[in-house]
Amino acid sequence: MIELEQALERFIGEIKGTEVYKEYSRQKEKVSRFPELKAKIDEFRIRNFQLQSATVGDELFDKIEDFEREYEKFREDPLVSDFLAAELGLCRMMQQINMTMTEELDFA
């Protein structure tokens, strides 16, 4: 088990060494300098998650359109858009890692 833990530590180090993670860290640091903006971003993320996980069918399309209109100006702020883009990049990388691990371990 110790060997696996060491491999995991190395793997985490590799993730942290990627440009995707470094960009996320840079954007996170920029946003952290503005606590009110960070709170608004967190609210946006929570509402977005709730909307996508609690709504189904045609209702989802309409609610997403309303949500996007409501936050359109907010997302034009370069700090917000850059942070959200960096976060999305990291999320996609982590999803790909998880999918690859699941496939390779035949864990379906």
C-alpha atoms as a PDB file:
ATOM      1  CA  MET A   1       0.000   0.000   0.000  1.00  0.00           C
ATOM      2  CA  ILE A   2       2.912   2.364   0.673  1.00  0.00           C
ATOM      3  CA  GLU A   3       4.030   2.005  -2.951  1.00  0.00           C
ATOM      4  CA  LEU A   4       0.561   2.991  -4.137  1.00  0.00           C
ATOM      5  CA  GLU A   5       0.517   6.007  -1.816  1.00  0.00           C
ATOM      6  CA  GLN A   6       3.906   7.091  -3.154  1.00  0.00           C
ATOM      7  CA  ALA A   7       2.719   6.663  -6.731  1.00  0.00           C
ATOM      8  CA  LEU A   8      -0.357   8.721  -5.904  1.00  0.00           C
ATOM      9  CA  GLU A   9       1.816  11.505  -4.470  1.00  0.00           C
ATOM     10  CA  ARG A  10       3.912  11.502  -7.656  1.00  0.00           C
ATOM     11  CA  PHE A  11       0.752  11.537  -9.778  1.00  0.00           C
ATOM     12  CA  ILE A  12      -0.639  14.510  -7.843  1.00  0.00           C
ATOM     13  CA  GLY A  13       2.688  16.252  -8.373  1.00  0.00           C
ATOM     14  CA  GLU A  14       2.393  15.592 -12.099  1.00  0.00           C
ATOM     15  CA  ILE A  15      -1.117  17.075 -12.135  1.00  0.00           C
ATOM     16  CA  LYS A  16       0.115  20.148 -10.274  1.00  0.00           C
ATOM     17  CA  GLY A  17       2.886  20.478 -12.861  1.00  0.00           C
ATOM     18  CA  THR A  18       0.488  20.729 -15.791  1.00  0.00           C
ATOM     19  CA  GLU A  19      -0.185  24.060 -17.431  1.00  0.00           C
ATOM     20  CA  VAL A  20      -3.905  23.477 -16.854  1.00  0.00           C
ATOM     21  CA  TYR A  21      -3.430  23.279 -13.090  1.00  0.00           C
ATOM     22  CA  LYS A  22      -0.955  26.164 -13.022  1.00  0.00           C
ATOM     23  CA  GLU A  23      -3.397  28.383 -14.903  1.00  0.00           C
ATOM     24  CA  TYR A  24      -6.200  27.422 -12.515  1.00  0.00           C
ATOM     25  CA  SER A  25      -3.955  28.287  -9.550  1.00  0.00           C
ATOM     26  CA  ARG A  26      -3.042  31.659 -11.082  1.00  0.00           C
ATOM     27  CA  GLN A  27      -6.670  32.548 -11.699  1.00  0.00           C
ATOM     28  CA  LYS A  28      -7.723  31.332  -8.262  1.00  0.00           C
ATOM     29  CA  GLU A  29      -5.078  33.563  -6.681  1.00  0.00           C
ATOM     30  CA  LYS A  30      -6.269  36.594  -8.672  1.00  0.00           C
ATOM     31  CA  VAL A  31      -9.892  36.051  -7.653  1.00  0.00           C
ATOM     32  CA  SER A  32      -8.976  35.468  -4.007  1.00  0.00           C
ATOM     33  CA  ARG A  33      -7.826  39.101  -3.803  1.00  0.00           C
ATOM     34  CA  PHE A  34     -11.461  40.180  -4.206  1.00  0.00           C
ATOM     35  CA  PRO A  35     -13.573  38.404  -1.551  1.00  0.00           C
ATOM     36  CA  GLU A  36     -16.876  39.894  -2.738  1.00  0.00           C
ATOM     37  CA  LEU A  37     -16.204  38.815  -6.305  1.00  0.00           C
ATOM     38  CA  LYS A  38     -15.167  35.356  -5.076  1.00  0.00           C
ATOM     39  CA  ALA A  39     -18.478  35.102  -3.185  1.00  0.00           C
ATOM     40  CA  LYS A  40     -20.412  36.023  -6.344  1.00  0.00           C
ATOM     41  CA  ILE A  41     -18.481  33.444  -8.354  1.00  0.00           C
ATOM     42  CA  ASP A  42     -19.257  30.813  -5.718  1.00  0.00           C
ATOM     43  CA  GLU A  43     -22.941  31.762  -5.839  1.00  0.00           C
ATOM     44  CA  PHE A  44     -22.893  31.496  -9.646  1.00  0.00           C
ATOM     45  CA  ARG A  45     -21.269  28.058  -9.474  1.00  0.00           C
ATOM     46  CA  ILE A  46     -23.726  26.777  -6.856  1.00  0.00           C
ATOM     47  CA  ARG A  47     -26.750  28.040  -8.775  1.00  0.00           C
ATOM     48  CA  ASN A  48     -25.408  26.577 -12.013  1.00  0.00           C
ATOM     49  CA  PHE A  49     -24.863  23.189 -10.384  1.00  0.00           C
ATOM     50  CA  GLN A  50     -28.313  23.196  -8.780  1.00  0.00           C
ATOM     51  CA  LEU A  51     -29.954  24.193 -12.032  1.00  0.00           C
ATOM     52  CA  GLN A  52     -28.286  21.438 -14.024  1.00  0.00           C
ATOM     53  CA  SER A  53     -28.824  18.713 -11.452  1.00  0.00           C
ATOM     54  CA  ALA A  54     -32.423  19.506 -10.477  1.00  0.00           C
ATOM     55  CA  THR A  55     -33.999  20.392 -13.824  1.00  0.00           C
ATOM     56  CA  VAL A  56     -34.946  18.044 -16.659  1.00  0.00           C
ATOM     57  CA  GLY A  57     -36.277  18.146 -20.203  1.00  0.00           C
ATOM     58  CA  ASP A  58     -37.451  21.264 -21.999  1.00  0.00           C
ATOM     59  CA  GLU A  59     -37.643  23.118 -18.701  1.00  0.00           C
ATOM     60  CA  LEU A  60     -33.849  22.857 -18.406  1.00  0.00           C
ATOM     61  CA  PHE A  61     -33.278  24.667 -21.712  1.00  0.00           C
ATOM     62  CA  ASP A  62     -35.516  27.570 -20.700  1.00  0.00           C
ATOM     63  CA  LYS A  63     -34.017  27.865 -17.232  1.00  0.00           C
ATOM     64  CA  ILE A  64     -30.467  27.785 -18.595  1.00  0.00           C
ATOM     65  CA  GLU A  65     -31.321  30.576 -21.041  1.00  0.00           C
ATOM     66  CA  ASP A  66     -32.713  32.675 -18.172  1.00  0.00           C
ATOM     67  CA  PHE A  67     -29.677  31.904 -16.029  1.00  0.00           C
ATOM     68  CA  GLU A  68     -27.260  32.866 -18.799  1.00  0.00           C
ATOM     69  CA  ARG A  69     -29.074  36.152 -19.384  1.00  0.00           C
ATOM     70  CA  GLU A  70     -29.040  36.918 -15.664  1.00  0.00           C
ATOM     71  CA  TYR A  71     -25.275  36.389 -15.421  1.00  0.00           C
ATOM     72  CA  GLU A  72     -24.268  37.715 -18.847  1.00  0.00           C
ATOM     73  CA  LYS A  73     -22.735  40.987 -17.604  1.00  0.00           C
ATOM     74  CA  PHE A  74     -21.137  39.260 -14.630  1.00  0.00           C
ATOM     75  CA  ARG A  75     -19.350  36.781 -16.900  1.00  0.00           C
ATOM     76  CA  GLU A  76     -17.967  39.605 -19.043  1.00  0.00           C
ATOM     77  CA  ASP A  77     -15.651  40.587 -16.193  1.00  0.00           C
ATOM     78  CA  PRO A  78     -12.203  39.275 -17.251  1.00  0.00           C
ATOM     79  CA  LEU A  79     -11.439  38.044 -13.721  1.00  0.00           C
ATOM     80  CA  VAL A  80     -14.650  36.022 -13.719  1.00  0.00           C
ATOM     81  CA  SER A  81     -14.385  34.666 -17.247  1.00  0.00           C
ATOM     82  CA  ASP A  82     -10.699  33.779 -16.894  1.00  0.00           C
ATOM     83  CA  PHE A  83     -11.280  32.003 -13.582  1.00  0.00           C
ATOM     84  CA  LEU A  84     -14.287  30.056 -14.868  1.00  0.00           C
ATOM     85  CA  ALA A  85     -12.393  29.046 -18.033  1.00  0.00           C
ATOM     86  CA  ALA A  86      -9.419  27.855 -15.981  1.00  0.00           C
ATOM     87  CA  GLU A  87     -11.682  25.966 -13.592  1.00  0.00           C
ATOM     88  CA  LEU A  88     -13.475  24.315 -16.503  1.00  0.00           C
ATOM     89  CA  GLY A  89     -10.141  23.266 -17.977  1.00  0.00           C
ATOM     90  CA  LEU A  90      -9.124  21.643 -14.695  1.00  0.00           C
ATOM     91  CA  CYS A  91     -12.511  19.931 -14.346  1.00  0.00           C
ATOM     92  CA  ARG A  92     -12.257  18.516 -17.868  1.00  0.00           C
ATOM     93  CA  MET A  93      -8.745  17.236 -17.185  1.00  0.00           C
ATOM     94  CA  MET A  94      -9.914  15.556 -13.968  1.00  0.00           C
ATOM     95  CA  GLN A  95     -12.913  14.038 -15.746  1.00  0.00           C
ATOM     96  CA  GLN A  96     -10.616  12.606 -18.410  1.00  0.00           C
ATOM     97  CA  ILE A  97      -8.328  11.160 -15.740  1.00  0.00           C
ATOM     98  CA  ASN A  98     -11.310   9.573 -13.969  1.00  0.00           C
ATOM     99  CA  MET A  99     -12.750   8.145 -17.198  1.00  0.00           C
ATOM    100  CA  THR A 100      -9.391   6.686 -18.207  1.00  0.00           C
ATOM    101  CA  MET A 101      -8.865   5.113 -14.779  1.00  0.00           C
ATOM    102  CA  THR A 102     -12.367   3.662 -14.795  1.00  0.00           C
ATOM    103  CA  GLU A 103     -11.898   2.207 -18.275  1.00  0.00           C
ATOM    104  CA  GLU A 104      -8.424   0.824 -17.595  1.00  0.00           C
ATOM    105  CA  LEU A 105      -9.536  -0.814 -14.339  1.00  0.00           C
ATOM    106  CA  ASP A 106     -12.585  -2.307 -16.085  1.00  0.00           C
ATOM    107  CA  PHE A 107     -14.721  -0.689 -13.403  1.00  0.00           C
ATOM    108  CA  ALA A 108     -18.007  -0.504 -15.243  1.00  0.00           C
END
